[in-house]
Amino acid sequence: MAPANCQASLRAFLNLQNQQKGAWKKLGGHHSMTRMGPTDSVLQDSIKGNFRALATVTAIIDGTGSIGAALGPLLASHISIRGWNNVFLMLIVSSFLAALLLICVAKTEIQQKFREGKWVCNSMI
């Protein structure tokens, strides 16, 4: 049997590992969106190589996320007065609207890639 202080440090180590894994799972998508989205937009021919534009787009995306992070709990606190089911309904509606907007953006980009002949299927042929 290991000493008590050894068990405590092992538990602390495992707790830290689990927290790191959880943070990676939660923030992985956020970091991908805030870093790869602006980089992709700066690679467009019209603003290629303009690092000031990259900084501006990154700031806009981070600022928008910050506004959402501030408004979500504010709305949830006001909606929770009427019951927690309404809070979950708000989250479902928000997720649906976000997915709808992303589908519209993806549809436009895919159509543009088809017109340019840069779609994945076109490069395989």
N, C-alpha and C. Protein backbone atom coordinates (compact mmCIF):
# COMPACT_ATOMS: atom_id res chain seq x y z
N MET A 1 0.85 -1.19 0.00
CA MET A 1 0.00 0.00 0.00
C MET A 1 0.88 1.23 0.00
N ALA A 2 0.58 2.16 -0.87
CA ALA A 2 1.37 3.39 -0.97
C ALA A 2 1.02 4.34 0.16
N PRO A 3 2.00 5.17 0.55
CA PRO A 3 1.71 6.16 1.60
C PRO A 3 0.60 7.13 1.16
N ALA A 4 -0.03 7.75 2.14
CA ALA A 4 -1.17 8.63 1.87
C ALA A 4 -0.78 9.82 1.00
N ASN A 5 0.43 10.39 1.25
CA ASN A 5 0.82 11.55 0.46
C ASN A 5 1.11 11.16 -0.98
N CYS A 6 1.55 9.94 -1.21
CA CYS A 6 1.78 9.46 -2.58
C CYS A 6 0.44 9.30 -3.31
N GLN A 7 -0.55 8.76 -2.61
CA GLN A 7 -1.87 8.61 -3.21
C GLN A 7 -2.49 9.96 -3.52
N ALA A 8 -2.29 10.91 -2.63
CA ALA A 8 -2.85 12.25 -2.85
C ALA A 8 -2.20 12.90 -4.07
N SER A 9 -0.89 12.76 -4.21
CA SER A 9 -0.23 13.38 -5.36
C SER A 9 -0.61 12.66 -6.66
N LEU A 10 -0.84 11.35 -6.59
CA LEU A 10 -1.29 10.62 -7.77
C LEU A 10 -2.69 11.09 -8.18
N ARG A 11 -3.58 11.25 -7.18
CA ARG A 11 -4.93 11.76 -7.48
C ARG A 11 -4.86 13.16 -8.07
N ALA A 12 -3.99 14.00 -7.54
CA ALA A 12 -3.86 15.37 -8.06
C ALA A 12 -3.34 15.34 -9.49
N PHE A 13 -2.39 14.45 -9.77
CA PHE A 13 -1.85 14.33 -11.13
C PHE A 13 -2.93 13.87 -12.10
N LEU A 14 -3.69 12.84 -11.72
CA LEU A 14 -4.77 12.34 -12.59
C LEU A 14 -5.86 13.39 -12.77
N ASN A 15 -6.16 14.14 -11.73
CA ASN A 15 -7.15 15.21 -11.84
C ASN A 15 -6.67 16.27 -12.83
N LEU A 16 -5.40 16.64 -12.76
CA LEU A 16 -4.84 17.62 -13.68
C LEU A 16 -4.89 17.10 -15.12
N GLN A 17 -4.57 15.85 -15.31
CA GLN A 17 -4.63 15.26 -16.65
C GLN A 17 -6.05 15.29 -17.21
N ASN A 18 -7.02 14.95 -16.38
CA ASN A 18 -8.41 14.97 -16.84
C ASN A 18 -8.87 16.39 -17.17
N GLN A 19 -8.43 17.37 -16.39
CA GLN A 19 -8.78 18.76 -16.68
C GLN A 19 -8.17 19.21 -18.00
N GLN A 20 -6.93 18.81 -18.25
CA GLN A 20 -6.29 19.19 -19.51
C GLN A 20 -6.99 18.55 -20.70
N LYS A 21 -7.39 17.28 -20.57
CA LYS A 21 -8.11 16.62 -21.65
C LYS A 21 -9.46 17.31 -21.91
N GLY A 22 -10.15 17.66 -20.85
CA GLY A 22 -11.43 18.34 -21.00
C GLY A 22 -11.27 19.71 -21.66
N ALA A 23 -10.25 20.44 -21.27
CA ALA A 23 -10.01 21.76 -21.87
C ALA A 23 -9.67 21.61 -23.35
N TRP A 24 -8.90 20.60 -23.69
CA TRP A 24 -8.55 20.40 -25.10
C TRP A 24 -9.80 20.08 -25.92
N LYS A 25 -10.67 19.24 -25.37
CA LYS A 25 -11.89 18.88 -26.09
C LYS A 25 -12.81 20.08 -26.24
N LYS A 26 -12.88 20.91 -25.21
CA LYS A 26 -13.79 22.06 -25.25
C LYS A 26 -13.24 23.17 -26.13
N LEU A 27 -11.96 23.45 -26.03
CA LEU A 27 -11.39 24.60 -26.73
C LEU A 27 -10.78 24.25 -28.09
N GLY A 28 -10.69 22.98 -28.43
CA GLY A 28 -10.08 22.60 -29.70
C GLY A 28 -10.80 23.21 -30.89
N GLY A 29 -12.12 23.13 -30.90
CA GLY A 29 -12.89 23.70 -32.00
C GLY A 29 -12.80 25.21 -32.05
N HIS A 30 -12.79 25.83 -30.88
CA HIS A 30 -12.68 27.29 -30.83
C HIS A 30 -11.36 27.77 -31.40
N HIS A 31 -10.29 27.10 -31.01
CA HIS A 31 -8.98 27.50 -31.51
C HIS A 31 -8.86 27.25 -33.01
N SER A 32 -9.44 26.17 -33.49
CA SER A 32 -9.40 25.92 -34.93
C SER A 32 -10.14 27.00 -35.69
N MET A 33 -11.29 27.38 -35.18
CA MET A 33 -12.09 28.38 -35.88
C MET A 33 -11.42 29.75 -35.85
N THR A 34 -10.87 30.14 -34.71
CA THR A 34 -10.31 31.48 -34.60
C THR A 34 -8.95 31.60 -35.26
N ARG A 35 -8.29 30.50 -35.54
CA ARG A 35 -6.97 30.58 -36.16
C ARG A 35 -7.01 30.22 -37.65
N MET A 36 -7.76 29.19 -38.00
CA MET A 36 -7.76 28.74 -39.38
C MET A 36 -8.69 29.58 -40.25
N GLY A 37 -9.78 30.08 -39.69
CA GLY A 37 -10.70 30.91 -40.47
C GLY A 37 -10.05 32.18 -40.98
N PRO A 38 -9.44 32.97 -40.11
CA PRO A 38 -8.77 34.18 -40.59
C PRO A 38 -7.62 33.88 -41.54
N THR A 39 -6.89 32.82 -41.28
CA THR A 39 -5.77 32.48 -42.16
C THR A 39 -6.30 32.13 -43.55
N ASP A 40 -7.40 31.41 -43.61
CA ASP A 40 -8.00 31.07 -44.90
C ASP A 40 -8.47 32.32 -45.63
N SER A 41 -9.04 33.26 -44.89
CA SER A 41 -9.54 34.47 -45.55
C SER A 41 -8.39 35.34 -46.06
N VAL A 42 -7.24 35.33 -45.38
CA VAL A 42 -6.11 36.14 -45.83
C VAL A 42 -5.44 35.50 -47.05
N LEU A 43 -5.65 34.21 -47.27
CA LEU A 43 -5.08 33.55 -48.44
C LEU A 43 -5.86 33.83 -49.71
N GLN A 44 -6.98 34.53 -49.60
CA GLN A 44 -7.74 34.92 -50.79
C GLN A 44 -6.86 35.82 -51.65
N ASP A 45 -7.03 35.76 -52.94
CA ASP A 45 -6.18 36.52 -53.86
C ASP A 45 -6.24 38.02 -53.63
N SER A 46 -7.41 38.53 -53.25
CA SER A 46 -7.56 39.98 -53.12
C SER A 46 -6.76 40.57 -51.96
N ILE A 47 -6.57 39.79 -50.89
CA ILE A 47 -5.84 40.32 -49.74
C ILE A 47 -4.66 39.43 -49.36
N LYS A 48 -4.12 38.71 -50.30
CA LYS A 48 -3.06 37.75 -50.04
C LYS A 48 -1.83 38.43 -49.42
N GLY A 49 -1.35 37.89 -48.32
CA GLY A 49 -0.14 38.38 -47.69
C GLY A 49 -0.33 39.61 -46.82
N ASN A 50 -1.54 40.10 -46.66
CA ASN A 50 -1.79 41.28 -45.84
C ASN A 50 -2.01 40.82 -44.40
N PHE A 51 -0.96 40.90 -43.59
CA PHE A 51 -1.04 40.40 -42.22
C PHE A 51 -1.85 41.33 -41.32
N ARG A 52 -2.01 42.56 -41.73
CA ARG A 52 -2.87 43.47 -40.98
C ARG A 52 -4.32 43.01 -41.11
N ALA A 53 -4.69 42.54 -42.30
CA ALA A 53 -6.04 42.01 -42.50
C ALA A 53 -6.25 40.75 -41.66
N LEU A 54 -5.21 39.92 -41.56
CA LEU A 54 -5.29 38.72 -40.72
C LEU A 54 -5.56 39.10 -39.27
N ALA A 55 -4.85 40.10 -38.78
CA ALA A 55 -5.04 40.55 -37.40
C ALA A 55 -6.45 41.11 -37.20
N THR A 56 -6.94 41.83 -38.18
CA THR A 56 -8.28 42.42 -38.08
C THR A 56 -9.35 41.34 -38.05
N VAL A 57 -9.25 40.37 -38.95
CA VAL A 57 -10.26 39.30 -39.01
C VAL A 57 -10.21 38.47 -37.73
N THR A 58 -9.01 38.18 -37.23
CA THR A 58 -8.88 37.42 -35.98
C THR A 58 -9.52 38.18 -34.82
N ALA A 59 -9.29 39.48 -34.76
CA ALA A 59 -9.87 40.29 -33.69
C ALA A 59 -11.39 40.31 -33.77
N ILE A 60 -11.92 40.39 -34.99
CA ILE A 60 -13.38 40.40 -35.15
C ILE A 60 -13.98 39.07 -34.68
N ILE A 61 -13.34 37.95 -35.06
CA ILE A 61 -13.86 36.64 -34.65
C ILE A 61 -13.76 36.47 -33.14
N ASP A 62 -12.62 36.85 -32.55
CA ASP A 62 -12.49 36.73 -31.09
C ASP A 62 -13.47 37.64 -30.37
N GLY A 63 -13.67 38.85 -30.89
CA GLY A 63 -14.61 39.78 -30.26
C GLY A 63 -16.04 39.29 -30.34
N THR A 64 -16.41 38.70 -31.47
CA THR A 64 -17.75 38.15 -31.62
C THR A 64 -17.96 37.00 -30.63
N GLY A 65 -16.93 36.16 -30.49
CA GLY A 65 -17.03 35.07 -29.51
C GLY A 65 -17.15 35.58 -28.10
N SER A 66 -16.46 36.67 -27.79
CA SER A 66 -16.53 37.25 -26.45
C SER A 66 -17.92 37.82 -26.18
N ILE A 67 -18.50 38.44 -27.20
CA ILE A 67 -19.86 38.98 -27.03
C ILE A 67 -20.84 37.84 -26.77
N GLY A 68 -20.69 36.75 -27.53
CA GLY A 68 -21.55 35.59 -27.32
C GLY A 68 -21.35 34.97 -25.95
N ALA A 69 -20.10 34.94 -25.49
CA ALA A 69 -19.82 34.38 -24.17
C ALA A 69 -20.39 35.25 -23.07
N ALA A 70 -20.52 36.54 -23.32
CA ALA A 70 -21.10 37.43 -22.32
C ALA A 70 -22.62 37.41 -22.35
N LEU A 71 -23.20 37.36 -23.54
CA LEU A 71 -24.66 37.42 -23.65
C LEU A 71 -25.35 36.11 -23.28
N GLY A 72 -24.68 34.97 -23.55
CA GLY A 72 -25.29 33.67 -23.25
C GLY A 72 -25.69 33.53 -21.79
N PRO A 73 -24.75 33.70 -20.85
CA PRO A 73 -25.12 33.60 -19.43
C PRO A 73 -26.11 34.68 -18.99
N LEU A 74 -26.00 35.87 -19.58
CA LEU A 74 -26.95 36.94 -19.23
C LEU A 74 -28.37 36.53 -19.62
N LEU A 75 -28.53 36.04 -20.85
CA LEU A 75 -29.85 35.58 -21.28
C LEU A 75 -30.32 34.38 -20.44
N ALA A 76 -29.40 33.47 -20.16
CA ALA A 76 -29.77 32.28 -19.39
C ALA A 76 -30.27 32.66 -18.00
N SER A 77 -29.63 33.65 -17.39
CA SER A 77 -30.07 34.04 -16.04
C SER A 77 -31.48 34.64 -16.07
N HIS A 78 -31.81 35.39 -17.10
CA HIS A 78 -33.15 35.96 -17.19
C HIS A 78 -34.18 34.92 -17.61
N ILE A 79 -33.79 34.01 -18.47
CA ILE A 79 -34.73 32.98 -18.93
C ILE A 79 -34.96 31.92 -17.86
N SER A 80 -33.95 31.66 -17.02
CA SER A 80 -34.08 30.59 -16.01
C SER A 80 -35.14 30.90 -14.97
N ILE A 81 -35.56 32.15 -14.87
CA ILE A 81 -36.63 32.51 -13.92
C ILE A 81 -37.91 31.76 -14.27
N ARG A 82 -38.12 31.54 -15.56
CA ARG A 82 -39.33 30.84 -16.02
C ARG A 82 -39.15 29.32 -16.05
N GLY A 83 -37.96 28.83 -15.68
CA GLY A 83 -37.71 27.39 -15.64
C GLY A 83 -36.53 27.00 -16.50
N TRP A 84 -35.86 25.93 -16.09
CA TRP A 84 -34.65 25.51 -16.79
C TRP A 84 -34.94 24.92 -18.16
N ASN A 85 -36.15 24.43 -18.38
CA ASN A 85 -36.50 23.93 -19.71
C ASN A 85 -36.38 25.03 -20.76
N ASN A 86 -36.72 26.25 -20.37
CA ASN A 86 -36.61 27.37 -21.30
C ASN A 86 -35.15 27.70 -21.62
N VAL A 87 -34.27 27.50 -20.64
CA VAL A 87 -32.84 27.73 -20.90
C VAL A 87 -32.33 26.73 -21.94
N PHE A 88 -32.70 25.48 -21.76
CA PHE A 88 -32.28 24.47 -22.72
C PHE A 88 -32.90 24.70 -24.09
N LEU A 89 -34.13 25.19 -24.11
CA LEU A 89 -34.77 25.54 -25.38
C LEU A 89 -33.99 26.68 -26.06
N MET A 90 -33.54 27.66 -25.29
CA MET A 90 -32.73 28.75 -25.84
C MET A 90 -31.44 28.21 -26.45
N LEU A 91 -30.79 27.27 -25.76
CA LEU A 91 -29.56 26.68 -26.27
C LEU A 91 -29.81 25.88 -27.55
N ILE A 92 -30.91 25.18 -27.60
CA ILE A 92 -31.25 24.40 -28.79
C ILE A 92 -31.51 25.33 -29.97
N VAL A 93 -32.28 26.40 -29.74
CA VAL A 93 -32.57 27.35 -30.81
C VAL A 93 -31.29 28.04 -31.27
N SER A 94 -30.41 28.40 -30.34
CA SER A 94 -29.14 29.03 -30.70
C SER A 94 -28.28 28.10 -31.55
N SER A 95 -28.22 26.85 -31.16
CA SER A 95 -27.43 25.88 -31.92
C SER A 95 -28.03 25.68 -33.31
N PHE A 96 -29.35 25.63 -33.40
CA PHE A 96 -30.01 25.47 -34.69
C PHE A 96 -29.71 26.66 -35.60
N LEU A 97 -29.80 27.87 -35.07
CA LEU A 97 -29.53 29.06 -35.88
C LEU A 97 -28.07 29.10 -36.33
N ALA A 98 -27.15 28.73 -35.43
CA ALA A 98 -25.74 28.70 -35.81
C ALA A 98 -25.49 27.68 -36.92
N ALA A 99 -26.10 26.50 -36.80
CA ALA A 99 -25.94 25.48 -37.84
C ALA A 99 -26.54 25.95 -39.17
N LEU A 100 -27.68 26.60 -39.11
CA LEU A 100 -28.32 27.10 -40.32
C LEU A 100 -27.43 28.13 -41.02
N LEU A 101 -26.85 29.04 -40.26
CA LEU A 101 -25.98 30.05 -40.85
C LEU A 101 -24.71 29.41 -41.42
N LEU A 102 -24.16 28.42 -40.73
CA LEU A 102 -22.96 27.76 -41.23
C LEU A 102 -23.25 26.95 -42.49
N ILE A 103 -24.43 26.36 -42.57
CA ILE A 103 -24.80 25.61 -43.77
C ILE A 103 -24.88 26.56 -44.97
N CYS A 104 -25.44 27.74 -44.74
CA CYS A 104 -25.53 28.72 -45.84
C CYS A 104 -24.14 29.14 -46.31
N VAL A 105 -23.23 29.36 -45.39
CA VAL A 105 -21.86 29.74 -45.76
C VAL A 105 -21.17 28.59 -46.49
N ALA A 106 -21.32 27.37 -45.98
CA ALA A 106 -20.69 26.22 -46.62
C ALA A 106 -21.24 26.00 -48.02
N LYS A 107 -22.53 26.16 -48.19
CA LYS A 107 -23.15 25.99 -49.51
C LYS A 107 -22.56 26.99 -50.51
N THR A 108 -22.42 28.24 -50.10
CA THR A 108 -21.86 29.27 -50.97
C THR A 108 -20.42 28.95 -51.34
N GLU A 109 -19.62 28.53 -50.35
CA GLU A 109 -18.22 28.22 -50.63
C GLU A 109 -18.07 27.00 -51.52
N ILE A 110 -18.89 25.98 -51.34
CA ILE A 110 -18.82 24.79 -52.17
C ILE A 110 -19.20 25.13 -53.62
N GLN A 111 -20.25 25.94 -53.79
CA GLN A 111 -20.63 26.36 -55.14
C GLN A 111 -19.51 27.15 -55.80
N GLN A 112 -18.84 27.99 -55.05
CA GLN A 112 -17.73 28.76 -55.59
C GLN A 112 -16.58 27.85 -56.00
N LYS A 113 -16.28 26.84 -55.18
CA LYS A 113 -15.20 25.90 -55.52
C LYS A 113 -15.55 25.10 -56.77
N PHE A 114 -16.82 24.72 -56.92
CA PHE A 114 -17.24 24.02 -58.13
C PHE A 114 -17.04 24.88 -59.36
N ARG A 115 -17.44 26.14 -59.27
CA ARG A 115 -17.28 27.05 -60.41
C ARG A 115 -15.81 27.25 -60.78
N GLU A 116 -14.94 27.31 -59.77
CA GLU A 116 -13.52 27.50 -60.02
C GLU A 116 -12.82 26.22 -60.42
N GLY A 117 -13.47 25.08 -60.27
CA GLY A 117 -12.85 23.79 -60.58
C GLY A 117 -11.86 23.34 -59.53
N LYS A 118 -12.00 23.84 -58.30
CA LYS A 118 -11.06 23.50 -57.23
C LYS A 118 -11.68 22.58 -56.19
N TRP A 119 -12.77 21.92 -56.52
CA TRP A 119 -13.41 21.02 -55.56
C TRP A 119 -12.61 19.73 -55.49
N VAL A 120 -12.69 19.02 -54.37
CA VAL A 120 -11.90 17.81 -54.15
C VAL A 120 -12.13 16.78 -55.22
N CYS A 121 -13.37 16.59 -55.64
CA CYS A 121 -13.69 15.60 -56.66
C CYS A 121 -13.07 15.98 -58.00
N ASN A 122 -12.97 17.25 -58.30
CA ASN A 122 -12.38 17.68 -59.56
C ASN A 122 -10.89 17.36 -59.64
N SER A 123 -10.20 17.43 -58.49
CA SER A 123 -8.76 17.17 -58.49
C SER A 123 -8.45 15.68 -58.60
N MET A 124 -9.41 14.81 -58.28
CA MET A 124 -9.19 13.37 -58.35
C MET A 124 -9.33 12.85 -59.77
N ILE A 125 -10.07 13.54 -60.59
CA ILE A 125 -10.38 13.06 -61.95
C ILE A 125 -9.19 13.26 -62.85
